[in-house]
Amino acid sequence: MTQTTHTTTPDRLTWDARLWGALLVVCGVIFLDGLDVSMVGMSLPAIGADLGVSLSSLQWVVTGYVLGYGGLLLLGGRTADLLGRRRVFLIALAVFAVVSMLSSLATNPELLIAARFVKGVAAAFTAPAALSIITTTFHEGPDRNRALSIFTTCAASGFSMGLILGGLLTEVGWRWTFLMPGPVALIVLLFAIKLIPNSPRDESAGGYDVPGAVTVTAGMLTLVFAVVGAETAGWGSFRTIGLFVLAAALLAAFVLIEMRTKHPLVRLGILRLSNLRNANLAIMTVFGAYVSFQFIGTLYLQNLLGWSSFETALGFLPAGLLVAFLSPNAGKLADRIGTERMVAAGMVLFVAGYALFLRIGQQSDYVATVLPTIVLIGLGFAITFPALNMQATNGVDDNEQGLASGLFNTSSQVGGAIVLAVTTAVIGSQSHGVTVPSGMLAAYKPALVVVTGITVLGLLIGLVGLRGLAGRRAAAAAEAAELEAVQKELAEEMTPVA
């Protein structure tokens, strides 16, 4: 099992109505995130056609949100620890609701991308606050595993509902897909005000690391901008190389700031926890591969096969349903076999699923060609995502749960932004001036190879974690044997001599 700093097992919680209510309200945030991502994904081709957006610009509708989300998640987690999780949760959720409704009024790509970025920033404060509310409310072990399984189920449910709503609403008009999350967020906010318990401000936790937040966000923005722009400027151009150098300098500056500042955004020592480190690396590959796959799959089904947005939504739906139905049992599975085995098994499913999608053709049969990939991806998420959530927060002290959850979510969003930028650049480099189906298919397949390769990296990370599990279990067994020997010796010493 994963590492832990606790030496005693706390009493199990009583799951009364109020605890359930608070949990479901907090899970509403991840439901909204899944809802938003899947709805927008279904509407991308319609947005491109209506606003005249090129492929490289179209991906910024997704990337803008991802970068705002990932770039400030660490600051969001830190803010939740400092100001109180409830306060941060409520304010950020209100901003998310307002920006959702305003983004539906955008009349050009620039305004739409800017609104998506701001919305991502709001999500960067709600997500770590929500996850840290869960991890500080529910004790590490069965209670927390159960709560995180429900958290994952709500994400999958939001994603599944978003597919259907996104497909239906896009048929009416793509702007409705941007408007819809706003009223839902307001409903969640009203319940949150009543049900989320107050968490006091930690006066002893120190201050904010604004320079760290600025450098890490600017570094990631520059990195993604370099990858996207390399398609037109050239990978060896002065502009592209200069942007990569600038991104590396900004990220190096971030590390130096964290090493020297009194109150770092990221206490680098937390990365010594192998379970947290492996979970962060693995989620980068999982989320990066899936965001890119959904982008490619949507273009393939709508632009090449001529599917409507609603038909595309139904095509992706089985994956979300599998996660929604199977995730509630993930906590029990983790208690039995350990999160490391779950991650390794899930990664195998991902690799197989994406590799099978390479069989697509100009006229592919859904059941024979597309559905197997969708099913394998759904099974992979149902096993892997809750296990990684557990790994990322187990063994972390309560006062750093916001940081741990922020790191985990940051890793997923950074992975999504970078891999999506790479796959978009690959498609763009292969599709200049292409109008015939065979040329479009030839542009999609190299990008799918990139996605499959990313999941292979994820599998290797999972196998490393599995290898570490054997060592930790051996050490735990040795420690238990030593403790038993000491207890036996003490018992013999305390036994009165006849």
Protein backbone atom coordinates (compact mmCIF):
# COMPACT_ATOMS: atom_id res chain seq x y z
CA MET A 1 0.00 0.00 0.00
CA THR A 2 1.03 3.62 -0.15
CA GLN A 3 3.16 5.37 2.38
CA THR A 4 1.61 6.95 5.43
CA THR A 5 2.76 9.16 8.24
CA HIS A 6 0.03 8.07 10.63
CA THR A 7 0.79 5.58 13.35
CA THR A 8 -2.76 4.99 14.58
CA THR A 9 -6.02 4.31 12.79
CA PRO A 10 -8.70 6.94 13.59
CA ASP A 11 -12.23 5.91 14.46
CA ARG A 12 -14.54 5.43 11.45
CA LEU A 13 -16.83 8.36 10.71
CA THR A 14 -20.60 8.25 11.00
CA TRP A 15 -22.00 8.90 7.54
CA ASP A 16 -25.04 10.93 8.55
CA ALA A 17 -27.23 13.10 6.32
CA ARG A 18 -25.21 16.29 6.85
CA LEU A 19 -21.91 14.59 6.04
CA TRP A 20 -23.42 13.14 2.88
CA GLY A 21 -24.80 16.56 1.95
CA ALA A 22 -21.44 18.29 2.39
CA LEU A 23 -19.67 15.59 0.38
CA LEU A 24 -22.13 15.78 -2.51
CA VAL A 25 -21.94 19.58 -2.62
CA VAL A 26 -18.14 19.46 -2.76
CA CYS A 27 -18.39 16.78 -5.45
CA GLY A 28 -20.55 19.24 -7.40
CA VAL A 29 -17.35 21.08 -8.36
CA ILE A 30 -15.77 18.09 -10.06
CA PHE A 31 -19.16 17.31 -11.64
CA LEU A 32 -19.13 20.82 -13.12
CA ASP A 33 -15.57 20.38 -14.37
CA GLY A 34 -16.47 17.15 -16.17
CA LEU A 35 -19.67 18.72 -17.51
CA ASP A 36 -17.84 21.75 -18.87
CA VAL A 37 -14.95 19.86 -20.49
CA SER A 38 -17.15 17.35 -22.33
CA MET A 39 -19.73 19.92 -23.48
CA VAL A 40 -17.09 22.22 -24.94
CA GLY A 41 -15.33 19.28 -26.55
CA MET A 42 -18.47 18.36 -28.47
CA SER A 43 -18.91 21.95 -29.73
CA LEU A 44 -15.38 22.58 -31.06
CA PRO A 45 -16.09 21.90 -34.76
CA ALA A 46 -19.19 24.14 -34.59
CA ILE A 47 -17.16 26.93 -32.94
CA GLY A 48 -14.49 26.66 -35.62
CA ALA A 49 -17.07 26.88 -38.41
CA ASP A 50 -19.04 29.78 -36.86
CA LEU A 51 -16.12 31.99 -35.79
CA GLY A 52 -13.74 30.98 -38.59
CA VAL A 53 -11.17 29.56 -36.18
CA SER A 54 -8.20 27.58 -37.52
CA LEU A 55 -7.18 24.24 -36.01
CA SER A 56 -4.22 25.74 -34.12
CA SER A 57 -6.44 28.48 -32.70
CA LEU A 58 -9.32 26.12 -31.97
CA GLN A 59 -7.24 24.09 -29.53
CA TRP A 60 -6.76 27.26 -27.45
CA VAL A 61 -10.45 27.09 -26.49
CA VAL A 62 -9.48 23.96 -24.57
CA THR A 63 -5.91 24.97 -23.73
CA GLY A 64 -6.92 28.42 -22.42
CA TYR A 65 -9.08 26.79 -19.76
CA VAL A 66 -6.47 24.14 -19.01
CA LEU A 67 -3.67 26.68 -18.57
CA GLY A 68 -5.72 28.98 -16.36
CA TYR A 69 -6.66 25.92 -14.33
CA GLY A 70 -3.24 24.31 -14.18
CA GLY A 71 -1.23 27.50 -13.93
CA LEU A 72 -2.84 28.71 -10.72
CA LEU A 73 -3.85 25.45 -9.04
CA LEU A 74 -0.81 25.55 -6.77
CA LEU A 75 -1.71 29.07 -5.64
CA GLY A 76 -5.31 27.92 -5.28
CA GLY A 77 -4.30 25.06 -3.02
CA ARG A 78 -2.08 27.33 -0.95
CA THR A 79 -4.84 29.94 -0.68
CA ALA A 80 -7.29 27.29 0.54
CA ASP A 81 -4.85 26.31 3.29
CA LEU A 82 -4.25 29.94 4.30
CA LEU A 83 -7.66 31.63 4.01
CA GLY A 84 -9.89 28.68 4.83
CA ARG A 85 -11.23 26.10 2.43
CA ARG A 86 -14.89 27.11 2.67
CA ARG A 87 -14.23 30.79 1.95
CA VAL A 88 -12.07 30.05 -1.10
CA PHE A 89 -14.52 27.43 -2.35
CA LEU A 90 -17.51 29.79 -2.26
CA ILE A 91 -15.83 32.84 -3.82
CA ALA A 92 -14.21 30.89 -6.66
CA LEU A 93 -17.42 29.01 -7.41
CA ALA A 94 -19.30 32.31 -7.72
CA VAL A 95 -16.71 33.62 -10.19
CA PHE A 96 -16.94 30.36 -12.16
CA ALA A 97 -20.71 30.77 -12.48
CA VAL A 98 -20.57 34.39 -13.65
CA VAL A 99 -17.79 33.85 -16.20
CA SER A 100 -19.57 30.76 -17.57
CA MET A 101 -22.58 32.86 -18.47
CA LEU A 102 -20.52 35.78 -19.84
CA SER A 103 -18.40 33.50 -22.07
CA SER A 104 -21.52 32.54 -24.04
CA LEU A 105 -21.67 36.15 -25.31
CA ALA A 106 -18.18 36.13 -26.89
CA THR A 107 -18.23 37.36 -30.48
CA ASN A 108 -14.65 36.53 -31.51
CA PRO A 109 -12.07 33.85 -30.72
CA GLU A 110 -9.89 36.13 -28.60
CA LEU A 111 -12.72 36.99 -26.18
CA LEU A 112 -13.78 33.36 -26.01
CA ILE A 113 -10.28 32.15 -25.19
CA ALA A 114 -9.82 34.92 -22.61
CA ALA A 115 -13.10 33.97 -20.93
CA ARG A 116 -12.04 30.32 -20.89
CA PHE A 117 -8.75 31.29 -19.24
CA VAL A 118 -10.50 33.26 -16.49
CA LYS A 119 -12.92 30.40 -15.98
CA GLY A 120 -9.96 28.05 -15.62
CA VAL A 121 -8.47 30.38 -13.00
CA ALA A 122 -11.71 30.17 -11.00
CA ALA A 123 -11.64 26.37 -11.24
CA ALA A 124 -8.03 26.48 -10.03
CA PHE A 125 -9.29 27.71 -6.66
CA THR A 126 -12.42 25.56 -6.37
CA ALA A 127 -10.83 22.19 -7.22
CA PRO A 128 -8.03 22.05 -4.60
CA ALA A 129 -10.36 23.55 -1.99
CA ALA A 130 -12.93 20.84 -2.73
CA LEU A 131 -10.41 18.00 -2.64
CA SER A 132 -8.74 19.27 0.54
CA ILE A 133 -12.18 19.58 2.22
CA ILE A 134 -12.65 15.89 1.50
CA THR A 135 -9.18 14.79 2.60
CA THR A 136 -9.32 16.76 5.86
CA THR A 137 -12.88 15.64 6.65
CA PHE A 138 -12.39 11.93 5.95
CA HIS A 139 -9.65 9.99 7.68
CA GLU A 140 -7.01 8.25 5.59
CA GLY A 141 -8.14 4.69 4.93
CA PRO A 142 -11.58 3.23 4.10
CA ASP A 143 -13.53 6.45 4.80
CA ARG A 144 -11.32 8.61 2.59
CA ASN A 145 -11.12 5.95 -0.14
CA ARG A 146 -14.91 5.75 -0.19
CA ALA A 147 -15.27 9.54 -0.36
CA LEU A 148 -12.71 9.83 -3.17
CA SER A 149 -14.47 7.06 -5.09
CA ILE A 150 -17.69 9.07 -4.89
CA PHE A 151 -15.72 12.17 -5.95
CA THR A 152 -14.52 10.30 -9.05
CA THR A 153 -18.00 9.00 -9.77
CA CYS A 154 -19.35 12.56 -9.78
CA ALA A 155 -16.63 13.58 -12.24
CA ALA A 156 -17.60 10.74 -14.56
CA SER A 157 -21.29 11.53 -14.18
CA GLY A 158 -20.66 15.17 -15.07
CA PHE A 159 -18.60 14.12 -18.07
CA SER A 160 -21.29 11.70 -19.27
CA MET A 161 -24.09 14.22 -18.84
CA GLY A 162 -21.93 16.86 -20.54
CA LEU A 163 -21.55 14.64 -23.60
CA ILE A 164 -25.30 14.32 -24.01
CA LEU A 165 -26.08 17.95 -23.20
CA GLY A 166 -23.15 19.17 -25.31
CA GLY A 167 -24.32 17.15 -28.29
CA LEU A 168 -27.93 18.32 -27.95
CA LEU A 169 -27.15 21.96 -27.19
CA THR A 170 -24.63 22.25 -30.03
CA GLU A 171 -27.41 21.26 -32.42
CA VAL A 172 -29.29 24.36 -31.18
CA GLY A 173 -26.21 26.60 -30.93
CA TRP A 174 -22.71 26.15 -29.48
CA ARG A 175 -23.14 29.15 -27.15
CA TRP A 176 -25.56 27.15 -25.04
CA THR A 177 -22.75 24.75 -24.12
CA PHE A 178 -20.88 27.69 -22.53
CA LEU A 179 -23.95 29.07 -20.78
CA MET A 180 -25.19 25.81 -19.22
CA PRO A 181 -22.56 25.37 -16.44
CA GLY A 182 -23.37 28.82 -15.02
CA PRO A 183 -26.83 28.10 -13.55
CA VAL A 184 -25.62 24.68 -12.35
CA ALA A 185 -22.74 26.37 -10.51
CA LEU A 186 -25.17 28.81 -8.86
CA ILE A 187 -27.31 25.91 -7.58
CA VAL A 188 -24.22 24.20 -6.15
CA LEU A 189 -23.20 27.51 -4.56
CA LEU A 190 -26.52 27.91 -2.76
CA PHE A 191 -26.27 24.43 -1.23
CA ALA A 192 -22.59 24.97 -0.40
CA ILE A 193 -23.35 28.07 1.67
CA LYS A 194 -25.64 25.98 3.84
CA LEU A 195 -23.80 22.66 4.03
CA ILE A 196 -20.03 23.25 3.85
CA PRO A 197 -18.62 23.62 7.37
CA ASN A 198 -16.46 26.62 8.18
CA SER A 199 -12.72 26.08 8.18
CA PRO A 200 -10.70 28.68 10.10
CA ARG A 201 -7.92 30.70 8.57
CA ASP A 202 -4.50 29.31 9.44
CA GLU A 203 -2.75 32.33 10.95
CA SER A 204 0.50 30.41 11.43
CA ALA A 205 0.80 29.14 7.86
CA GLY A 206 2.71 32.13 6.52
CA GLY A 207 2.10 34.18 3.39
CA TYR A 208 1.66 33.84 -0.35
CA ASP A 209 4.28 33.08 -2.94
CA VAL A 210 3.16 35.41 -5.72
CA PRO A 211 6.53 35.36 -7.59
CA GLY A 212 6.34 31.56 -7.65
CA ALA A 213 2.79 31.60 -9.00
CA VAL A 214 3.71 34.14 -11.70
CA THR A 215 6.83 32.31 -12.88
CA VAL A 216 5.26 28.84 -13.02
CA THR A 217 2.16 30.12 -14.86
CA ALA A 218 4.22 32.19 -17.31
CA GLY A 219 6.57 29.25 -17.86
CA MET A 220 3.76 26.87 -18.76
CA LEU A 221 2.04 29.43 -21.00
CA THR A 222 5.30 30.06 -22.85
CA LEU A 223 5.98 26.33 -23.24
CA VAL A 224 2.56 25.61 -24.76
CA PHE A 225 2.74 28.73 -26.95
CA ALA A 226 6.12 27.54 -28.26
CA VAL A 227 4.76 24.10 -29.16
CA VAL A 228 1.65 25.48 -30.86
CA GLY A 229 3.59 28.16 -32.77
CA ALA A 230 6.26 25.71 -33.95
CA GLU A 231 3.80 24.41 -36.55
CA THR A 232 4.03 27.66 -38.54
CA ALA A 233 7.35 29.16 -37.40
CA GLY A 234 9.29 25.89 -37.66
CA TRP A 235 10.79 23.79 -34.87
CA GLY A 236 14.29 25.05 -35.58
CA SER A 237 13.36 28.73 -35.96
CA PHE A 238 14.80 31.44 -33.73
CA ARG A 239 11.30 32.20 -32.42
CA THR A 240 10.56 28.62 -31.38
CA ILE A 241 13.97 27.98 -29.81
CA GLY A 242 13.82 31.32 -28.03
CA LEU A 243 10.42 30.52 -26.55
CA PHE A 244 11.62 27.11 -25.33
CA VAL A 245 14.64 28.76 -23.70
CA LEU A 246 12.42 31.39 -22.07
CA ALA A 247 10.04 28.68 -20.79
CA ALA A 248 12.96 26.72 -19.33
CA ALA A 249 14.34 29.88 -17.68
CA LEU A 250 10.97 30.74 -16.12
CA LEU A 251 10.46 27.22 -14.76
CA ALA A 252 14.04 27.16 -13.43
CA ALA A 253 13.36 30.51 -11.76
CA PHE A 254 10.27 28.99 -10.16
CA VAL A 255 12.36 26.17 -8.65
CA LEU A 256 14.93 28.66 -7.32
CA ILE A 257 12.18 30.82 -5.81
CA GLU A 258 10.67 27.79 -4.09
CA MET A 259 14.06 26.86 -2.64
CA ARG A 260 14.71 30.31 -1.21
CA THR A 261 11.37 31.86 -0.28
CA LYS A 262 10.19 31.74 3.31
CA HIS A 263 6.69 30.56 2.38
CA PRO A 264 7.02 28.58 -0.87
CA LEU A 265 4.11 27.81 -3.13
CA VAL A 266 5.45 24.25 -3.30
CA ARG A 267 7.46 22.83 -0.43
CA LEU A 268 9.81 20.81 -2.61
CA GLY A 269 10.34 18.30 0.19
CA ILE A 270 6.79 17.03 -0.31
CA LEU A 271 7.96 15.48 -3.58
CA ARG A 272 10.06 13.02 -1.57
CA LEU A 273 6.84 11.08 -1.00
CA SER A 274 7.12 8.46 -3.72
CA ASN A 275 3.37 7.79 -3.88
CA LEU A 276 2.62 11.49 -4.45
CA ARG A 277 5.43 11.86 -7.01
CA ASN A 278 4.35 8.80 -9.01
CA ALA A 279 0.69 9.85 -8.91
CA ASN A 280 1.54 13.28 -10.33
CA LEU A 281 3.64 11.86 -13.15
CA ALA A 282 1.02 9.27 -14.01
CA ILE A 283 -1.91 11.70 -14.09
CA MET A 284 0.02 13.90 -16.55
CA THR A 285 0.02 11.03 -19.04
CA VAL A 286 -3.57 9.95 -18.32
CA PHE A 287 -5.17 13.38 -18.70
CA GLY A 288 -2.83 14.53 -21.48
CA ALA A 289 -3.57 11.46 -23.58
CA TYR A 290 -7.32 11.61 -23.05
CA VAL A 291 -7.76 15.34 -23.76
CA SER A 292 -5.81 14.87 -26.98
CA PHE A 293 -7.73 11.72 -27.90
CA GLN A 294 -11.07 13.47 -27.41
CA PHE A 295 -9.88 16.37 -29.58
CA ILE A 296 -8.73 14.02 -32.37
CA GLY A 297 -11.74 11.71 -32.02
CA THR A 298 -14.23 14.58 -32.24
CA LEU A 299 -12.58 15.94 -35.40
CA TYR A 300 -12.46 12.45 -36.90
CA LEU A 301 -16.08 11.56 -36.20
CA GLN A 302 -17.54 14.94 -37.22
CA ASN A 303 -15.23 16.17 -39.98
CA LEU A 304 -14.28 12.88 -41.62
CA LEU A 305 -17.21 10.54 -40.93
CA GLY A 306 -19.82 13.32 -40.99
CA TRP A 307 -21.37 12.59 -37.59
CA SER A 308 -23.50 15.23 -35.87
CA SER A 309 -22.43 16.61 -32.48
CA PHE A 310 -25.14 14.53 -30.77
CA GLU A 311 -24.04 11.33 -32.52
CA THR A 312 -20.47 12.08 -31.47
CA ALA A 313 -21.60 12.52 -27.88
CA LEU A 314 -23.35 9.15 -27.93
CA GLY A 315 -20.20 7.60 -29.36
CA PHE A 316 -18.09 8.78 -26.41
CA LEU A 317 -20.79 8.13 -23.81
CA PRO A 318 -20.00 4.46 -22.91
CA ALA A 319 -16.66 5.48 -21.39
CA GLY A 320 -18.29 7.96 -19.02
CA LEU A 321 -21.00 5.50 -18.04
CA LEU A 322 -18.43 2.82 -17.21
CA VAL A 323 -16.57 5.22 -14.93
CA ALA A 324 -19.79 6.37 -13.27
CA PHE A 325 -20.95 2.82 -12.52
CA LEU A 326 -17.60 1.27 -11.57
CA SER A 327 -15.84 4.07 -9.67
CA PRO A 328 -17.91 3.70 -6.45
CA ASN A 329 -16.23 0.32 -5.93
CA ALA A 330 -12.71 1.68 -6.40
CA GLY A 331 -12.23 2.37 -2.69
CA LYS A 332 -12.99 -1.24 -1.77
CA LEU A 333 -10.68 -2.47 -4.53
CA ALA A 334 -7.88 -0.22 -3.28
CA ASP A 335 -8.30 -1.62 0.25
CA ARG A 336 -7.92 -5.15 -1.12
CA ILE A 337 -5.14 -4.94 -3.74
CA GLY A 338 -3.54 -1.53 -3.29
CA THR A 339 -3.55 1.53 -5.51
CA GLU A 340 -0.29 0.59 -7.24
CA ARG A 341 -1.79 -2.53 -8.81
CA MET A 342 -4.86 -0.57 -9.86
CA VAL A 343 -2.75 2.07 -11.61
CA ALA A 344 -0.65 -0.51 -13.47
CA ALA A 345 -3.75 -2.40 -14.63
CA GLY A 346 -5.49 0.79 -15.74
CA MET A 347 -2.47 1.90 -17.75
CA VAL A 348 -2.45 -1.41 -19.63
CA LEU A 349 -6.07 -0.77 -20.60
CA PHE A 350 -5.24 2.75 -21.81
CA VAL A 351 -2.37 1.55 -23.99
CA ALA A 352 -4.52 -1.18 -25.55
CA GLY A 353 -7.43 1.23 -26.13
CA TYR A 354 -5.47 3.97 -27.88
CA ALA A 355 -3.46 1.45 -29.92
CA LEU A 356 -6.69 -0.12 -31.20
CA PHE A 357 -7.92 3.28 -32.42
CA LEU A 358 -5.04 3.35 -34.90
CA ARG A 359 -7.17 0.98 -37.00
CA ILE A 360 -9.56 3.79 -38.01
CA GLY A 361 -10.22 4.29 -41.70
CA GLN A 362 -12.15 6.58 -43.98
CA GLN A 363 -15.32 4.52 -43.35
CA SER A 364 -14.95 2.88 -39.93
CA ASP A 365 -17.63 0.76 -38.29
CA TYR A 366 -18.36 2.11 -34.81
CA VAL A 367 -18.96 -1.20 -33.04
CA ALA A 368 -15.93 -2.95 -34.52
CA THR A 369 -13.43 -0.08 -34.60
CA VAL A 370 -14.39 2.76 -32.24
CA LEU A 371 -16.35 1.11 -29.42
CA PRO A 372 -13.52 -1.19 -28.19
CA THR A 373 -11.32 1.86 -27.60
CA ILE A 374 -14.10 3.73 -25.80
CA VAL A 375 -14.79 0.75 -23.52
CA LEU A 376 -11.11 0.20 -22.67
CA ILE A 377 -10.64 3.90 -21.89
CA GLY A 378 -13.70 3.87 -19.63
CA LEU A 379 -12.40 0.84 -17.74
CA GLY A 380 -8.97 2.45 -17.47
CA PHE A 381 -10.38 5.63 -15.96
CA ALA A 382 -12.65 3.72 -13.56
CA ILE A 383 -9.61 1.92 -12.13
CA THR A 384 -6.83 4.48 -12.47
CA PHE A 385 -8.30 7.89 -11.66
CA PRO A 386 -9.61 7.15 -8.14
CA ALA A 387 -6.44 5.18 -7.35
CA LEU A 388 -4.26 8.14 -8.34
CA ASN A 389 -6.40 10.51 -6.24
CA MET A 390 -5.80 8.25 -3.23
CA GLN A 391 -2.07 7.98 -3.90
CA ALA A 392 -1.65 11.73 -4.24
CA THR A 393 -3.11 12.52 -0.81
CA ASN A 394 -2.20 9.51 1.35
CA GLY A 395 0.55 10.16 3.86
CA VAL A 396 0.24 13.98 3.57
CA ASP A 397 -0.35 16.05 6.70
CA ASP A 398 -3.66 17.92 6.95
CA ASN A 399 -2.02 21.33 6.69
CA GLU A 400 -0.60 20.37 3.27
CA GLN A 401 -3.65 18.63 1.81
CA GLY A 402 -4.44 21.74 -0.24
CA LEU A 403 -0.89 21.70 -1.62
CA ALA A 404 -1.04 17.96 -2.40
CA SER A 405 -4.39 18.24 -4.19
CA GLY A 406 -3.18 21.36 -6.01
CA LEU A 407 -0.07 19.53 -7.22
CA PHE A 408 -2.14 16.59 -8.43
CA ASN A 409 -4.62 18.73 -10.34
CA THR A 410 -1.81 20.93 -11.70
CA SER A 411 -0.05 17.87 -13.07
CA SER A 412 -3.20 16.69 -14.85
CA GLN A 413 -3.84 20.10 -16.43
CA VAL A 414 -0.21 20.65 -17.42
CA GLY A 415 -0.17 17.22 -19.01
CA GLY A 416 -3.37 18.07 -20.87
CA ALA A 417 -2.02 21.38 -22.16
CA ILE A 418 1.35 20.06 -23.32
CA VAL A 419 0.17 16.83 -24.95
CA LEU A 420 -2.75 18.60 -26.65
CA ALA A 421 -0.37 21.25 -28.00
CA VAL A 422 1.94 18.56 -29.37
CA THR A 423 -0.84 16.53 -31.01
CA THR A 424 -2.41 19.67 -32.50
CA ALA A 425 0.97 20.67 -33.94
CA VAL A 426 1.37 17.18 -35.42
CA ILE A 427 -2.09 17.33 -37.04
CA GLY A 428 -1.48 20.85 -38.31
CA SER A 429 1.87 19.96 -39.88
CA GLN A 430 0.25 17.09 -41.79
CA SER A 431 -2.98 18.78 -42.89
CA HIS A 432 -1.93 22.02 -44.65
CA GLY A 433 -4.09 22.37 -47.75
CA VAL A 434 -5.58 18.89 -47.28
CA THR A 435 -9.25 18.48 -48.21
CA VAL A 436 -9.57 14.83 -49.26
CA PRO A 437 -10.51 12.22 -46.59
CA SER A 438 -7.33 10.19 -47.09
CA GLY A 439 -5.20 13.26 -46.35
CA MET A 440 -7.19 14.10 -43.21
CA LEU A 441 -6.85 10.53 -41.97
CA ALA A 442 -3.11 10.65 -42.61
CA ALA A 443 -2.94 13.76 -40.41
CA TYR A 444 -4.85 12.16 -37.53
CA LYS A 445 -2.91 8.92 -37.28
CA PRO A 446 0.53 10.36 -36.33
CA ALA A 447 -1.18 12.32 -33.56
CA LEU A 448 -2.77 9.09 -32.33
CA VAL A 449 0.69 7.50 -32.27
CA VAL A 450 1.79 10.34 -29.97
CA VAL A 451 -1.20 9.70 -27.68
CA THR A 452 -0.42 5.98 -27.54
CA GLY A 453 3.24 6.68 -26.80
CA ILE A 454 2.29 8.97 -23.91
CA THR A 455 0.22 6.18 -22.35
CA VAL A 456 3.17 3.80 -22.67
CA LEU A 457 5.14 6.26 -20.53
CA GLY A 458 2.28 6.18 -18.04
CA LEU A 459 2.46 2.39 -17.97
CA LEU A 460 6.18 2.53 -17.20
CA ILE A 461 5.46 4.91 -14.31
CA GLY A 462 2.81 2.49 -13.05
CA LEU A 463 5.28 -0.40 -13.19
CA VAL A 464 7.84 1.64 -11.23
CA GLY A 465 5.22 2.21 -8.54
CA LEU A 466 4.43 -1.51 -8.54
CA ARG A 467 8.09 -2.32 -8.07
CA GLY A 468 8.31 0.12 -5.17
CA LEU A 469 5.30 -1.58 -3.56
CA ALA A 470 7.24 -4.83 -3.08
CA GLY A 471 10.06 -2.98 -1.34
CA ARG A 472 7.72 -1.08 0.97
CA ARG A 473 5.84 -4.25 1.89
CA ALA A 474 9.09 -6.04 2.68
CA ALA A 475 10.19 -3.12 4.88
CA ALA A 476 6.79 -3.06 6.61
CA ALA A 477 6.97 -6.81 7.25
CA ALA A 478 10.45 -6.48 8.72
CA GLU A 479 9.31 -3.60 10.93
CA ALA A 480 6.29 -5.61 12.11
CA ALA A 481 8.50 -8.62 12.90
CA GLU A 482 10.91 -6.42 14.86
CA LEU A 483 8.04 -4.85 16.80
CA GLU A 484 6.61 -8.28 17.59
CA ALA A 485 10.00 -9.45 18.85
CA VAL A 486 10.33 -6.40 21.11
CA GLN A 487 6.82 -6.90 22.48
CA LYS A 488 7.55 -10.57 23.16
CA GLU A 489 10.76 -9.67 24.97
CA LEU A 490 9.00 -7.08 27.11
CA ALA A 491 6.25 -9.56 27.93
CA GLU A 492 8.85 -12.12 29.07
CA GLU A 493 10.61 -9.54 31.25
CA MET A 494 7.32 -8.56 32.92
CA THR A 495 6.35 -12.20 33.58
CA PRO A 496 6.94 -12.90 37.31
CA VAL A 497 9.46 -15.63 38.09
CA ALA A 498 7.93 -18.57 40.02
